[in-house]
Amino acid sequence: MDHPSRTLEDWLAYIEQQHPKSIDLGLERVREVAARMALGAPASQVIVVGGTNGKGSTVAFIEAIARAAGRRVGAYTSPHLRRYNERVRIDGEEAADAALVTAFEAVEAARGGTALTYFEYGTLSALWLFQRSALDLAVLEVGLGGRLDAVNLVDADVAVITTVDIDHVDWLGGDREAIGAEKAGIARAWKPLVLGEVDSPSSVLRHAYAIGANAIRMGSDFFHDQVDEGHWRWRDAGFQIELPTPLLRAPVQRANAATAIAALRALDGEWPDAALVDGVASATLPGRLQAFERGGIPVIVDVGHNPQAARQIATWLRAEPVPGRTLAVFAALADKDIEGVAAAVQEQVQAWFLAGLEGVAGRGQAVDAFAGRLGTLAAGSGSRHVDVAAALQAALHEAQAGDRILVFGSFHTVAEALAELRSGR
């Protein structure tokens, strides 16, 4: 491969072809390449964030608060919505194409004959960039699971598990206990493990106890309480602070912000009250109940793609009623519990517009197959459209004053919707 002539797009196409599987959990191969690259700690302090839902939002809150406190922060997240560069942020800025190309070249030079997945390539390149960026803090989002995820190469000063619910059952197991055991693998002996839900699986707590990790639990060790419509309170045994409602809209975002604060307070260092306030108020993340307006019709897009996330969307829809109907544009990947997702929101949806996702290698599905899996659910009788853009246009055509449109079901669904919404059509 002629490295110097390759653009970022060339590299992304190349790394997609370097492993026969899109997902191949295990640390042996990636650890070997990391050793050849002499990868050490990516920053002075590291927080690793795992969980089923809420990972990206929690990373965004940690990043915003830490930057408000004057820290130089690197954040690694996945997947991206529009540009690969979204996955790697340094001091609040997405990594430039040239920086990512240089990092991919470093991975390629070190890997020899070792096959790496797309995610493993990306993780190693992000760690390489962070190591060279004089960071105070690196915040790393786990891709899938935890124990065998490439991000688990890094020993976290603080590990976070946001929530544990059913997703990725082919890789992680079919119940919360099995999935929790996989996610708990990011914890380190005698280091803090922040748990962002009240009822963490016993498998998580057993693992923390077995390795001597200090479990810091929402509802036991830290709390968040509503004060009034615009404010809430974070508190633990020795500290409390009143904070503004997060800019991120879903009710669950208060729990994500609370988890982020607990993670930062578990690190060595001072976090001024002003930084906590500013970070909570300013943190943003595309595709999380993100609002648009077209022809007087509100359009809300959300990446929710499993039943737990769909229940959170339903909670928000109930809390924010509209005079008219809610029209749902729904598209999901073939390996998801689409019946559970649709069932979670069906009481809040009056019309369904189903779309195919055929451009996703190995996981996409045409709209007829998608609709067939919905069975007797109301969503199954929705109108069928070849792709998200067509479904969104059909929903906009049908919507009347007082209605709103919800677009959800996958990161891919939201990416296609954002492209359509920003196209000017």
Protein backbone atom coordinates (compact mmCIF):
# COMPACT_ATOMS: atom_id res chain seq x y z
CA MET A 1 0.00 0.00 0.00
CA ASP A 2 1.36 3.42 -0.97
CA HIS A 3 0.81 5.11 2.36
CA PRO A 4 1.78 8.75 1.66
CA SER A 5 -0.74 9.12 -1.17
CA ARG A 6 -3.72 7.83 0.82
CA THR A 7 -6.46 10.14 2.03
CA LEU A 8 -8.46 9.50 5.20
CA GLU A 9 -11.25 8.02 3.07
CA ASP A 10 -8.71 5.70 1.42
CA TRP A 11 -7.47 4.56 4.81
CA LEU A 12 -10.96 3.93 6.16
CA ALA A 13 -11.79 1.81 3.11
CA TYR A 14 -8.50 -0.04 3.56
CA ILE A 15 -8.87 -0.83 7.26
CA GLU A 16 -12.39 -2.19 6.70
CA GLN A 17 -10.80 -4.94 4.60
CA GLN A 18 -7.98 -6.00 6.94
CA HIS A 19 -9.91 -8.51 9.03
CA PRO A 20 -12.45 -11.10 7.86
CA LYS A 21 -14.80 -10.17 10.73
CA SER A 22 -16.22 -6.77 11.64
CA ILE A 23 -16.09 -7.81 15.32
CA ASP A 24 -13.46 -10.14 16.76
CA LEU A 25 -13.36 -9.74 20.53
CA GLY A 26 -10.07 -10.43 22.28
CA LEU A 27 -7.00 -8.46 23.33
CA GLU A 28 -4.12 -10.67 22.19
CA ARG A 29 -3.71 -9.26 18.68
CA VAL A 30 -4.30 -5.64 19.56
CA ARG A 31 -2.07 -5.85 22.65
CA GLU A 32 0.76 -7.22 20.50
CA VAL A 33 0.50 -4.30 18.07
CA ALA A 34 0.22 -1.79 20.92
CA ALA A 35 3.48 -3.13 22.35
CA ARG A 36 5.21 -2.67 19.00
CA MET A 37 3.91 0.90 18.90
CA ALA A 38 5.26 1.49 22.43
CA LEU A 39 1.85 2.74 23.53
CA GLY A 40 1.84 3.80 27.15
CA ALA A 41 -0.70 5.79 29.12
CA PRO A 42 -2.63 8.08 26.73
CA ALA A 43 -2.86 10.85 29.34
CA SER A 44 -1.92 11.75 32.91
CA GLN A 45 -5.30 10.39 34.00
CA VAL A 46 -7.72 8.05 32.21
CA ILE A 47 -11.44 7.36 32.57
CA VAL A 48 -12.90 4.40 30.65
CA VAL A 49 -16.67 4.44 30.10
CA GLY A 50 -18.63 1.26 29.36
CA GLY A 51 -22.30 0.34 29.53
CA THR A 52 -25.29 -0.49 27.36
CA ASN A 53 -26.73 3.02 26.99
CA GLY A 54 -25.53 6.46 28.03
CA LYS A 55 -21.83 5.97 27.27
CA GLY A 56 -21.50 8.75 24.71
CA SER A 57 -23.48 11.24 26.79
CA THR A 58 -21.47 10.45 29.92
CA VAL A 59 -18.23 10.96 27.99
CA ALA A 60 -19.58 14.29 26.73
CA PHE A 61 -20.37 15.46 30.29
CA ILE A 62 -16.95 14.35 31.61
CA GLU A 63 -15.21 16.09 28.72
CA ALA A 64 -17.18 19.32 29.09
CA ILE A 65 -16.69 19.56 32.87
CA ALA A 66 -12.99 18.74 32.68
CA ARG A 67 -12.40 21.29 29.94
CA ALA A 68 -14.33 23.90 31.94
CA ALA A 69 -11.91 23.14 34.80
CA GLY A 70 -8.98 23.95 32.52
CA ARG A 71 -7.88 20.40 31.72
CA ARG A 72 -6.59 19.37 28.31
CA VAL A 73 -8.85 16.46 27.39
CA GLY A 74 -8.89 13.77 24.72
CA ALA A 75 -12.14 11.88 24.05
CA TYR A 76 -12.52 8.69 22.02
CA THR A 77 -16.06 7.60 21.14
CA SER A 78 -17.88 5.41 18.63
CA PRO A 79 -19.61 5.07 16.30
CA HIS A 80 -19.66 8.33 14.37
CA LEU A 81 -22.69 9.87 12.70
CA ARG A 82 -21.32 11.85 9.76
CA ARG A 83 -17.51 11.92 9.81
CA TYR A 84 -14.98 9.50 11.22
CA ASN A 85 -13.20 12.49 12.79
CA GLU A 86 -16.03 12.72 15.36
CA ARG A 87 -14.55 9.69 17.12
CA VAL A 88 -11.33 11.44 18.20
CA ARG A 89 -11.47 14.82 19.93
CA ILE A 90 -8.47 16.64 21.39
CA ASP A 91 -9.11 19.74 23.50
CA GLY A 92 -12.63 19.98 22.12
CA GLU A 93 -11.67 19.73 18.44
CA GLU A 94 -12.18 16.78 16.13
CA ALA A 95 -8.91 15.26 14.92
CA ALA A 96 -7.90 16.54 11.50
CA ASP A 97 -7.72 14.22 8.50
CA ALA A 98 -3.94 14.58 8.36
CA ALA A 99 -3.52 13.61 12.02
CA LEU A 100 -5.69 10.52 11.60
CA VAL A 101 -3.81 9.50 8.45
CA THR A 102 -0.50 9.79 10.29
CA ALA A 103 -1.88 7.68 13.14
CA PHE A 104 -3.18 5.00 10.76
CA GLU A 105 0.24 4.91 9.12
CA ALA A 106 1.80 4.29 12.55
CA VAL A 107 -0.59 1.40 13.20
CA GLU A 108 0.04 -0.08 9.77
CA ALA A 109 3.81 0.12 10.21
CA ALA A 110 3.59 -1.72 13.53
CA ARG A 111 1.02 -4.42 12.85
CA GLY A 112 3.05 -6.53 10.40
CA GLY A 113 0.93 -9.54 9.54
CA THR A 114 -1.46 -9.12 12.48
CA ALA A 115 -5.07 -8.73 11.36
CA LEU A 116 -6.96 -5.89 13.06
CA THR A 117 -10.64 -5.00 12.92
CA TYR A 118 -11.82 -1.52 11.95
CA PHE A 119 -12.45 -0.69 15.62
CA GLU A 120 -9.09 -2.03 16.76
CA TYR A 121 -7.32 0.06 14.11
CA GLY A 122 -9.24 3.12 15.25
CA THR A 123 -8.57 2.51 18.93
CA LEU A 124 -4.83 2.11 18.46
CA SER A 125 -4.66 5.22 16.27
CA ALA A 126 -6.57 7.28 18.85
CA LEU A 127 -4.31 6.12 21.68
CA TRP A 128 -1.25 6.94 19.56
CA LEU A 129 -2.54 10.47 18.94
CA PHE A 130 -3.48 11.00 22.57
CA GLN A 131 -0.06 9.85 23.80
CA ARG A 132 1.51 12.60 21.67
CA SER A 133 -0.89 15.36 22.72
CA ALA A 134 0.19 16.12 26.32
CA LEU A 135 -3.27 15.42 27.72
CA ASP A 136 -4.32 15.86 31.32
CA LEU A 137 -7.24 13.47 30.88
CA ALA A 138 -8.27 10.85 28.31
CA VAL A 139 -11.89 9.68 28.29
CA LEU A 140 -12.31 6.42 26.36
CA GLU A 141 -15.65 4.90 25.39
CA VAL A 142 -15.80 1.12 25.22
CA GLY A 143 -16.97 -0.17 21.85
CA LEU A 144 -18.68 -3.44 22.77
CA GLY A 145 -18.82 -5.18 26.13
CA GLY A 146 -15.69 -4.39 28.07
CA ARG A 147 -13.52 -7.33 29.08
CA LEU A 148 -12.43 -8.18 25.53
CA ASP A 149 -12.89 -4.75 23.92
CA ALA A 150 -9.81 -3.06 22.47
CA VAL A 151 -10.26 -0.06 24.78
CA ASN A 152 -9.59 -2.41 27.71
CA LEU A 153 -5.92 -2.32 26.74
CA VAL A 154 -5.76 0.78 28.87
CA ASP A 155 -5.67 0.66 32.66
CA ALA A 156 -8.24 3.18 33.80
CA ASP A 157 -7.76 5.37 36.86
CA VAL A 158 -11.57 5.35 37.06
CA ALA A 159 -13.89 2.92 35.26
CA VAL A 160 -17.55 3.74 34.63
CA ILE A 161 -20.45 1.42 33.80
CA THR A 162 -23.44 3.58 32.90
CA THR A 163 -26.20 0.97 32.55
CA VAL A 164 -26.48 -2.75 31.85
CA ASP A 165 -29.28 -4.02 29.65
CA ILE A 166 -29.90 -6.52 26.85
CA ASP A 167 -27.97 -5.80 23.64
CA HIS A 168 -25.33 -7.54 21.50
CA VAL A 169 -26.52 -10.89 22.84
CA ASP A 170 -24.51 -12.88 20.26
CA TRP A 171 -21.29 -11.58 21.80
CA LEU A 172 -22.15 -10.72 25.40
CA GLY A 173 -24.86 -13.14 26.52
CA GLY A 174 -28.62 -13.10 26.82
CA ASP A 175 -29.24 -11.68 30.30
CA ARG A 176 -28.08 -8.77 32.45
CA GLU A 177 -25.89 -10.95 34.67
CA ALA A 178 -23.87 -12.32 31.74
CA ILE A 179 -23.64 -8.91 30.07
CA GLY A 180 -22.67 -7.26 33.36
CA ALA A 181 -19.82 -9.73 33.84
CA GLU A 182 -18.40 -8.72 30.43
CA LYS A 183 -18.77 -5.00 31.10
CA ALA A 184 -17.18 -5.27 34.56
CA GLY A 185 -13.93 -6.33 32.88
CA ILE A 186 -12.92 -2.67 32.51
CA ALA A 187 -12.57 -2.30 36.30
CA ARG A 188 -9.09 -2.36 37.82
CA ALA A 189 -7.95 -3.65 41.20
CA TRP A 190 -8.09 -1.07 43.99
CA LYS A 191 -9.37 1.64 41.61
CA PRO A 192 -12.80 3.29 41.58
CA LEU A 193 -15.65 1.73 39.57
CA VAL A 194 -18.57 4.16 39.17
CA LEU A 195 -21.95 2.53 38.56
CA GLY A 196 -24.54 4.78 36.93
CA GLU A 197 -27.71 2.89 37.82
CA VAL A 198 -29.33 1.93 41.10
CA ASP A 199 -29.73 -1.79 40.33
CA SER A 200 -26.43 -2.93 38.82
CA PRO A 201 -26.28 -6.70 38.17
CA SER A 202 -24.81 -8.74 41.00
CA SER A 203 -22.15 -10.00 38.55
CA VAL A 204 -20.72 -6.45 38.41
CA LEU A 205 -20.63 -6.11 42.18
CA ARG A 206 -19.11 -9.59 42.62
CA HIS A 207 -16.31 -8.77 40.19
CA ALA A 208 -15.60 -5.44 41.89
CA TYR A 209 -15.41 -7.19 45.26
CA ALA A 210 -13.20 -9.99 43.90
CA ILE A 211 -10.54 -7.61 42.52
CA GLY A 212 -10.78 -4.99 45.26
CA ALA A 213 -12.27 -2.28 43.04
CA ASN A 214 -14.03 0.51 44.93
CA ALA A 215 -17.64 0.44 43.67
CA ILE A 216 -19.25 3.90 43.81
CA ARG A 217 -22.97 3.35 43.26
CA MET A 218 -25.74 5.69 42.21
CA GLY A 219 -28.45 5.58 44.83
CA SER A 220 -26.05 4.42 47.53
CA ASP A 221 -22.90 6.55 47.32
CA PHE A 222 -24.08 9.46 45.18
CA PHE A 223 -27.52 10.85 44.36
CA HIS A 224 -29.32 13.22 42.00
CA ASP A 225 -32.56 14.95 42.99
CA GLN A 226 -34.87 17.30 41.14
CA VAL A 227 -34.99 20.78 42.72
CA ASP A 228 -37.36 22.55 40.31
CA GLU A 229 -38.09 22.63 36.61
CA GLY A 230 -34.71 24.10 35.74
CA HIS A 231 -32.42 22.72 38.44
CA TRP A 232 -31.28 19.53 40.13
CA ARG A 233 -28.92 18.61 42.94
CA TRP A 234 -25.90 16.28 42.93
CA ARG A 235 -24.87 15.03 46.35
CA ASP A 236 -22.79 12.50 48.22
CA ALA A 237 -21.90 12.15 51.88
CA GLY A 238 -19.54 15.13 51.90
CA PHE A 239 -20.57 17.43 49.06
CA GLN A 240 -23.60 18.77 47.26
CA ILE A 241 -24.20 21.24 44.44
CA GLU A 242 -27.23 22.64 42.64
CA LEU A 243 -26.92 22.37 38.86
CA PRO A 244 -28.85 23.49 35.75
CA THR A 245 -30.93 21.06 33.73
CA PRO A 246 -28.63 19.56 31.08
CA LEU A 247 -28.81 20.91 27.55
CA LEU A 248 -29.13 17.26 26.46
CA ARG A 249 -32.88 16.76 26.55
CA ALA A 250 -33.83 13.27 27.76
CA PRO A 251 -34.72 12.80 31.45
CA VAL A 252 -32.00 10.12 31.66
CA GLN A 253 -29.35 12.74 30.91
CA ARG A 254 -29.47 13.93 34.49
CA ALA A 255 -28.37 10.44 35.56
CA ASN A 256 -25.60 10.51 32.94
CA ALA A 257 -24.43 13.92 34.19
CA ALA A 258 -24.53 12.67 37.79
CA THR A 259 -22.44 9.64 36.81
CA ALA A 260 -19.92 11.89 35.05
CA ILE A 261 -19.55 14.04 38.16
CA ALA A 262 -19.04 10.96 40.33
CA ALA A 263 -16.34 9.72 37.95
CA LEU A 264 -14.46 13.01 38.01
CA ARG A 265 -14.70 13.30 41.79
CA ALA A 266 -13.24 9.78 42.03
CA LEU A 267 -10.08 11.07 40.30
CA ASP A 268 -7.32 12.87 42.13
CA GLY A 269 -7.75 16.60 41.58
CA GLU A 270 -10.05 19.55 42.23
CA TRP A 271 -13.26 20.22 40.29
CA PRO A 272 -14.50 23.75 40.95
CA ASP A 273 -18.23 24.29 41.31
CA ALA A 274 -18.20 26.62 38.31
CA ALA A 275 -16.73 23.88 36.11
CA LEU A 276 -19.45 21.44 37.19
CA VAL A 277 -22.15 24.01 36.39
CA ASP A 278 -20.64 25.06 33.07
CA GLY A 279 -19.96 21.50 31.93
CA VAL A 280 -23.45 20.22 32.71
CA ALA A 281 -25.00 23.25 31.00
CA SER A 282 -22.85 23.10 27.85
CA ALA A 283 -22.36 19.40 27.04
CA THR A 284 -23.85 18.46 23.68
CA LEU A 285 -23.97 15.29 21.58
CA PRO A 286 -25.58 14.85 18.15
CA GLY A 287 -28.36 12.32 17.71
CA ARG A 288 -29.67 12.31 21.28
CA LEU A 289 -33.19 13.72 21.02
CA GLN A 290 -31.68 16.28 18.67
CA ALA A 291 -34.33 18.71 17.44
CA PHE A 292 -34.92 20.13 13.98
CA GLU A 293 -37.85 21.88 12.35
CA ARG A 294 -39.09 21.50 8.79
CA GLY A 295 -42.11 23.39 7.50
CA GLY A 296 -43.31 24.06 11.03
CA ILE A 297 -43.04 20.37 12.00
CA PRO A 298 -40.64 19.41 14.82
CA VAL A 299 -38.33 16.54 13.86
CA ILE A 300 -36.58 14.70 16.71
CA VAL A 301 -33.76 12.25 15.95
CA ASP A 302 -32.35 9.73 18.41
CA VAL A 303 -29.85 6.88 18.05
CA GLY A 304 -31.77 4.64 20.49
CA HIS A 305 -31.49 1.06 19.19
CA ASN A 306 -32.37 -1.28 22.07
CA PRO A 307 -35.39 -1.60 24.38
CA GLN A 308 -33.82 0.26 27.28
CA ALA A 309 -33.02 3.26 25.07
CA ALA A 310 -36.49 3.09 23.50
CA ARG A 311 -38.09 3.18 26.96
CA GLN A 312 -36.13 6.36 27.66
CA ILE A 313 -37.43 7.87 24.41
CA ALA A 314 -40.97 6.91 25.42
CA THR A 315 -40.52 8.61 28.78
CA TRP A 316 -39.48 11.82 27.04
CA LEU A 317 -42.39 11.63 24.57
CA ARG A 318 -44.83 11.30 27.47
CA ALA A 319 -43.22 14.20 29.31
CA GLU A 320 -43.32 16.46 26.22
CA PRO A 321 -46.78 16.01 24.66
CA VAL A 322 -47.84 17.76 21.45
CA PRO A 323 -51.35 18.77 20.36
CA GLY A 324 -51.29 16.40 17.39
CA ARG A 325 -49.74 13.04 16.56
CA THR A 326 -46.27 11.57 16.85
CA LEU A 327 -45.16 10.05 13.54
CA ALA A 328 -42.24 7.62 13.82
CA VAL A 329 -39.61 6.97 11.15
CA PHE A 330 -38.09 3.66 12.24
CA ALA A 331 -35.17 1.70 10.80
CA ALA A 332 -32.93 -0.78 12.62
CA LEU A 333 -30.18 -3.31 12.06
CA ALA A 334 -30.99 -6.98 11.61
CA ASP A 335 -29.19 -8.10 14.79
CA LYS A 336 -31.27 -5.91 17.12
CA ASP A 337 -34.38 -6.63 19.17
CA ILE A 338 -36.57 -4.56 16.88
CA GLU A 339 -39.79 -5.94 18.35
CA GLY A 340 -38.74 -4.85 21.83
CA VAL A 341 -37.72 -1.42 20.57
CA ALA A 342 -41.03 -0.83 18.74
CA ALA A 343 -43.09 -2.14 21.65
CA ALA A 344 -41.41 0.27 24.05
CA VAL A 345 -42.63 3.37 22.19
CA GLN A 346 -45.80 2.18 20.47
CA GLU A 347 -48.21 3.80 22.94
CA GLN A 348 -46.71 7.20 22.11
CA VAL A 349 -46.72 6.75 18.29
CA GLN A 350 -49.78 7.20 16.08
CA ALA A 351 -48.27 6.50 12.64
CA TRP A 352 -45.24 4.46 11.52
CA PHE A 353 -42.95 4.93 8.51
CA LEU A 354 -40.60 1.98 8.15
CA ALA A 355 -37.31 2.18 6.25
CA GLY A 356 -34.72 -0.26 5.02
CA LEU A 357 -31.05 -0.10 6.03
CA GLU A 358 -29.40 -2.00 3.23
CA GLY A 359 -26.03 -0.26 3.08
CA VAL A 360 -24.65 -1.78 6.29
CA ALA A 361 -22.48 -4.77 5.50
CA GLY A 362 -23.72 -7.95 7.19
CA ARG A 363 -26.23 -6.21 9.47
CA GLY A 364 -28.54 -4.24 7.20
CA GLN A 365 -31.96 -5.36 6.05
CA ALA A 366 -34.49 -4.42 3.38
CA VAL A 367 -37.71 -2.83 4.55
CA ASP A 368 -39.93 -5.85 3.76
CA ALA A 369 -37.79 -8.15 5.92
CA PHE A 370 -37.72 -5.48 8.62
CA ALA A 371 -41.51 -5.07 8.60
CA GLY A 372 -42.00 -8.84 8.64
CA ARG A 373 -40.13 -9.13 11.92
CA LEU A 374 -42.46 -6.66 13.62
CA GLY A 375 -45.31 -9.16 13.48
CA THR A 376 -48.61 -7.97 14.89
CA LEU A 377 -47.19 -4.83 16.51
CA ALA A 378 -48.71 -1.59 15.26
CA ALA A 379 -45.36 -0.71 13.70
CA GLY A 380 -45.58 -3.75 11.44
CA SER A 381 -48.46 -2.24 9.50
CA GLY A 382 -46.65 1.04 8.90
CA SER A 383 -45.87 2.30 5.42
CA ARG A 384 -42.71 0.90 3.84
CA HIS A 385 -39.92 2.92 2.26
CA VAL A 386 -36.64 1.93 0.64
CA ASP A 387 -34.49 4.10 2.89
CA VAL A 388 -34.61 6.61 5.73
CA ALA A 389 -34.64 9.64 3.43
CA ALA A 390 -37.75 8.38 1.64
CA ALA A 391 -39.48 7.51 4.91
CA LEU A 392 -38.70 10.93 6.38
CA GLN A 393 -40.02 12.71 3.29
CA ALA A 394 -43.21 10.65 3.45
CA ALA A 395 -43.68 11.52 7.13
CA LEU A 396 -43.10 15.22 6.45
CA HIS A 397 -45.65 15.07 3.63
CA GLU A 398 -48.28 13.54 5.92
CA ALA A 399 -47.58 15.62 9.03
CA GLN A 400 -49.95 18.43 9.91
CA ALA A 401 -49.72 21.40 12.25
CA GLY A 402 -49.34 20.18 15.83
CA ASP A 403 -47.70 16.88 14.83
CA ARG A 404 -44.09 15.89 15.39
CA ILE A 405 -41.80 13.34 13.79
CA LEU A 406 -39.51 10.98 15.69
CA VAL A 407 -36.64 9.35 13.75
CA PHE A 408 -34.91 6.53 15.63
CA GLY A 409 -33.63 2.95 15.72
CA SER A 410 -29.91 3.07 14.92
CA PHE A 411 -26.86 5.28 14.53
CA HIS A 412 -27.20 4.53 10.81
CA THR A 413 -30.84 5.69 10.86
CA VAL A 414 -29.85 9.00 12.44
CA ALA A 415 -26.88 9.46 10.11
CA GLU A 416 -29.15 9.09 7.07
CA ALA A 417 -31.75 11.40 8.61
CA LEU A 418 -29.15 14.07 9.39
CA ALA A 419 -27.90 13.94 5.81
CA GLU A 420 -31.46 14.40 4.56
CA LEU A 421 -32.31 17.16 7.03
CA ARG A 422 -29.17 19.09 6.14
CA SER A 423 -29.53 18.60 2.38
CA GLY A 424 -32.06 21.39 1.99
CA ARG A 425 -34.51 19.12 0.21
